[in-house]
Amino acid sequence: MTISLAEELVLLAYNDEGIAYGTSTWLDYGVAGAHLVELALAERITLTGGKVDVIDTTPTGSPLADAALATIAADTKRRKPNDWVYRLSKKARQPVLDGLVTAGILEQRADRLMRIFPVTRYPAPHGVEPAVETERRRLLHAAIDGSDPAPDTRTLVLCTLIDALDWEKRVFPDLPRRETKKRLKELGDTHWAGVAVGRLIKDLQIAIMMSAVVVTTAAS
């Protein structure tokens, strides 16, 4: 089964109990960034002069990425990647979760925290990690520990997003955090150099990091 980058990112964000890691706003920014990268990899958008341009409006087949494409195409103003991260991030996570539930990859369960506060959990059916998540985690781990010297593009994109969101401890709990962070940056610096989509990914990484700082400051 093939799923979108945004769906893979959301699966990585949720633990076995169906609870998300970190704040929902951070994840929303990550999902928005994933949609943009998905469109760039599909050659639907490009970065020109630091701003996003639509070069092809043909649907990609990913409904949420296509919705983002339509939004960008309909805007009469050319905008920077960070502007689109902000604009596309509003409640970006929920449609991805809904799609994963519809596909049977996750379940939606109403629960109560401390038996008082209502919460919605999104665990995998039968408590078993989805096969698509297990495989992506394997590929991510191989990229970090060096056992895969040539990671595929989608793995590299997720490594960059994980770095931007500061999720290395969440995704790689069995690996040393400092060394993992260094490796994530090395992968980004080495593999995206000179590649058109690389500039977009770097700009998105900065945008997500800046957004995370704003969220953290507001919460403190």
Protein backbone atom coordinates (compact mmCIF):
# COMPACT_ATOMS: atom_id res chain seq x y z
CA MET A 1 0.00 0.00 0.00
CA THR A 2 1.27 3.46 -0.93
CA ILE A 3 0.35 6.38 1.32
CA SER A 4 1.24 10.06 1.21
CA LEU A 5 4.13 11.73 3.01
CA ALA A 6 1.64 13.53 5.26
CA GLU A 7 0.05 10.20 6.21
CA GLU A 8 3.44 8.67 6.96
CA LEU A 9 4.36 11.66 9.11
CA VAL A 10 1.12 11.37 11.09
CA LEU A 11 1.67 7.64 11.66
CA LEU A 12 5.13 8.42 13.05
CA ALA A 13 3.60 11.03 15.34
CA TYR A 14 1.14 8.68 17.06
CA ASN A 15 2.14 6.07 19.63
CA ASP A 16 0.64 2.60 20.04
CA GLU A 17 -2.06 4.00 22.31
CA GLY A 18 -3.18 6.40 19.60
CA ILE A 19 -1.91 9.58 21.25
CA ALA A 20 0.10 12.17 19.30
CA TYR A 21 3.62 13.15 20.26
CA GLY A 22 4.11 16.85 20.95
CA THR A 23 1.64 19.63 20.26
CA SER A 24 -1.04 19.44 17.59
CA THR A 25 0.15 22.74 16.10
CA TRP A 26 3.63 21.40 15.44
CA LEU A 27 2.14 18.40 13.67
CA ASP A 28 -0.13 20.65 11.62
CA TYR A 29 2.92 22.55 10.38
CA GLY A 30 4.65 19.29 9.57
CA VAL A 31 1.63 18.04 7.60
CA ALA A 32 1.47 21.29 5.63
CA GLY A 33 5.15 20.96 4.81
CA ALA A 34 4.65 17.35 3.76
CA HIS A 35 1.89 18.38 1.32
CA LEU A 36 4.20 20.94 -0.28
CA VAL A 37 7.05 18.46 -0.65
CA GLU A 38 4.65 15.88 -2.09
CA LEU A 39 3.67 18.40 -4.75
CA ALA A 40 7.28 19.31 -5.45
CA LEU A 41 8.29 15.67 -5.86
CA ALA A 42 5.34 15.17 -8.23
CA GLU A 43 6.56 18.19 -10.23
CA ARG A 44 3.38 20.17 -9.60
CA ILE A 45 5.09 23.10 -7.89
CA THR A 46 8.57 24.56 -7.97
CA LEU A 47 10.51 27.26 -6.20
CA THR A 48 11.46 30.34 -8.25
CA GLY A 49 13.13 33.32 -6.69
CA GLY A 50 12.27 32.03 -3.25
CA LYS A 51 8.55 31.74 -4.00
CA VAL A 52 6.28 28.82 -4.84
CA ASP A 53 4.99 28.54 -8.41
CA VAL A 54 2.47 26.02 -9.77
CA ILE A 55 3.79 24.39 -12.95
CA ASP A 56 1.19 21.67 -13.40
CA THR A 57 -2.36 21.45 -12.01
CA THR A 58 -2.88 17.79 -12.92
CA PRO A 59 -4.09 15.91 -9.80
CA THR A 60 -1.47 13.72 -8.14
CA GLY A 61 -3.95 11.16 -6.84
CA SER A 62 -3.42 12.20 -3.22
CA PRO A 63 -6.67 14.04 -2.29
CA LEU A 64 -5.18 16.25 0.41
CA ALA A 65 -2.09 17.16 -1.61
CA ASP A 66 -4.37 17.93 -4.55
CA ALA A 67 -6.50 20.17 -2.31
CA ALA A 68 -3.33 22.04 -1.33
CA LEU A 69 -2.39 22.33 -5.00
CA ALA A 70 -5.79 23.81 -5.84
CA THR A 71 -5.44 26.33 -3.02
CA ILE A 72 -2.02 27.45 -4.21
CA ALA A 73 -3.12 27.62 -7.85
CA ALA A 74 -6.15 29.74 -6.97
CA ASP A 75 -4.09 32.35 -5.14
CA THR A 76 -3.33 35.39 -7.25
CA LYS A 77 -0.23 36.19 -5.19
CA ARG A 78 3.08 34.33 -5.30
CA ARG A 79 4.12 33.36 -1.80
CA LYS A 80 7.16 32.03 0.03
CA PRO A 81 7.17 28.44 1.39
CA ASN A 82 6.78 29.63 4.98
CA ASP A 83 3.64 31.56 4.00
CA TRP A 84 2.14 28.38 2.59
CA VAL A 85 3.12 26.38 5.67
CA TYR A 86 1.11 28.79 7.79
CA ARG A 87 -1.84 28.93 5.40
CA LEU A 88 -2.10 25.18 4.81
CA SER A 89 -1.49 24.20 8.42
CA LYS A 90 -4.88 25.14 9.86
CA LYS A 91 -6.37 21.88 11.18
CA ALA A 92 -4.20 20.05 8.65
CA ARG A 93 -3.83 16.95 10.80
CA GLN A 94 -7.50 15.96 11.09
CA PRO A 95 -8.20 15.26 7.40
CA VAL A 96 -5.09 13.04 7.32
CA LEU A 97 -6.31 11.12 10.36
CA ASP A 98 -9.75 10.76 8.82
CA GLY A 99 -8.20 9.32 5.67
CA LEU A 100 -6.13 6.82 7.65
CA VAL A 101 -9.26 5.73 9.52
CA THR A 102 -11.23 5.35 6.28
CA ALA A 103 -8.41 3.23 4.86
CA GLY A 104 -8.51 0.99 7.93
CA ILE A 105 -4.92 1.86 8.91
CA LEU A 106 -6.00 3.53 12.17
CA GLU A 107 -9.11 3.45 14.34
CA GLN A 108 -10.91 6.37 15.96
CA ARG A 109 -11.80 5.80 19.60
CA ALA A 110 -13.48 8.12 22.08
CA ASP A 111 -11.84 7.95 25.51
CA ARG A 112 -11.41 9.95 28.70
CA LEU A 113 -8.15 11.15 30.16
CA MET A 114 -8.02 10.40 33.90
CA ARG A 115 -11.66 9.32 33.45
CA ILE A 116 -12.62 13.01 33.22
CA PHE A 117 -11.39 14.80 30.11
CA PRO A 118 -12.74 13.57 26.77
CA VAL A 119 -10.04 12.69 24.23
CA THR A 120 -9.99 11.01 20.85
CA ARG A 121 -7.36 8.36 20.28
CA TYR A 122 -6.18 6.93 16.97
CA PRO A 123 -4.60 3.53 17.63
CA ALA A 124 -3.91 0.89 15.00
CA PRO A 125 -6.55 -1.84 14.71
CA HIS A 126 -5.94 -4.77 17.06
CA GLY A 127 -3.01 -2.90 18.64
CA VAL A 128 -0.63 -3.91 15.85
CA GLU A 129 1.56 -1.27 14.22
CA PRO A 130 0.47 -0.72 10.59
CA ALA A 131 2.68 -2.52 8.08
CA VAL A 132 3.31 0.70 6.12
CA GLU A 133 4.59 2.38 9.29
CA THR A 134 6.78 -0.58 10.23
CA GLU A 135 8.40 -0.57 6.80
CA ARG A 136 9.00 3.19 6.83
CA ARG A 137 10.52 3.00 10.30
CA ARG A 138 12.84 0.27 9.04
CA LEU A 139 13.94 2.45 6.13
CA LEU A 140 14.41 5.49 8.38
CA HIS A 141 16.50 3.49 10.84
CA ALA A 142 18.65 2.13 8.00
CA ALA A 143 19.24 5.66 6.73
CA ILE A 144 20.33 6.86 10.15
CA ASP A 145 22.59 3.95 11.12
CA GLY A 146 24.16 3.86 7.65
CA SER A 147 23.10 0.32 6.75
CA ASP A 148 21.34 1.82 3.71
CA PRO A 149 23.92 3.99 1.90
CA ALA A 150 21.33 5.25 -0.62
CA PRO A 151 18.00 6.03 1.11
CA ASP A 152 15.00 6.59 -1.14
CA THR A 153 13.71 10.12 -1.65
CA ARG A 154 10.64 9.78 0.58
CA THR A 155 12.78 8.49 3.44
CA LEU A 156 15.09 11.49 3.03
CA VAL A 157 12.13 13.88 3.06
CA LEU A 158 10.81 12.35 6.27
CA CYS A 159 14.28 12.59 7.82
CA THR A 160 14.30 16.30 7.03
CA LEU A 161 10.82 16.80 8.50
CA ILE A 162 11.75 14.79 11.61
CA ASP A 163 14.78 17.04 12.05
CA ALA A 164 12.69 20.19 11.59
CA LEU A 165 10.10 19.01 14.11
CA ASP A 166 12.81 17.89 16.56
CA TRP A 167 11.34 14.38 16.68
CA GLU A 168 14.55 12.34 16.65
CA LYS A 169 13.93 11.01 20.18
CA ARG A 170 10.34 10.07 19.30
CA VAL A 171 11.14 8.26 16.05
CA PHE A 172 14.54 6.81 17.03
CA PRO A 173 14.25 6.09 20.79
CA ASP A 174 16.93 3.39 20.63
CA LEU A 175 19.58 5.62 19.04
CA PRO A 176 21.76 8.31 20.71
CA ARG A 177 19.95 11.60 20.29
CA ARG A 178 22.95 13.83 19.55
CA GLU A 179 24.41 11.48 16.95
CA THR A 180 20.97 10.98 15.39
CA LYS A 181 20.41 14.73 15.11
CA LYS A 182 23.79 15.10 13.46
CA ARG A 183 23.04 12.30 11.01
CA LEU A 184 19.66 13.81 10.09
CA LYS A 185 21.37 17.07 9.18
CA GLU A 186 24.08 15.25 7.22
CA LEU A 187 21.45 13.45 5.14
CA GLY A 188 19.75 16.73 4.31
CA ASP A 189 22.97 18.57 3.47
CA THR A 190 24.38 15.76 1.34
CA HIS A 191 21.39 14.54 -0.62
CA TRP A 192 19.51 17.78 -1.33
CA ALA A 193 22.48 19.81 -2.57
CA GLY A 194 21.86 21.09 -6.08
CA VAL A 195 18.41 19.50 -6.33
CA ALA A 196 15.50 21.81 -7.18
CA VAL A 197 13.22 20.42 -4.51
CA GLY A 198 16.05 20.68 -2.01
CA ARG A 199 15.72 24.46 -1.71
CA LEU A 200 12.04 24.08 -0.98
CA ILE A 201 12.72 21.44 1.67
CA LYS A 202 15.35 23.62 3.33
CA ASP A 203 12.98 26.60 3.36
CA LEU A 204 10.20 24.43 4.78
CA GLN A 205 12.53 23.14 7.46
CA ILE A 206 13.30 26.70 8.55
CA ALA A 207 9.59 27.65 8.40
CA ILE A 208 8.56 24.69 10.57
CA MET A 209 11.32 25.37 13.09
CA MET A 210 10.32 29.05 13.31
CA SER A 211 6.68 28.05 13.77
CA ALA A 212 7.64 25.64 16.54
CA VAL A 213 9.51 28.44 18.35
CA VAL A 214 6.42 30.67 18.16
CA VAL A 215 4.21 27.90 19.55
CA THR A 216 6.65 27.13 22.37
CA THR A 217 6.98 30.79 23.31
CA ALA A 218 3.21 31.30 23.33
CA ALA A 219 2.72 28.27 25.58
CA SER A 220 5.33 29.34 28.14
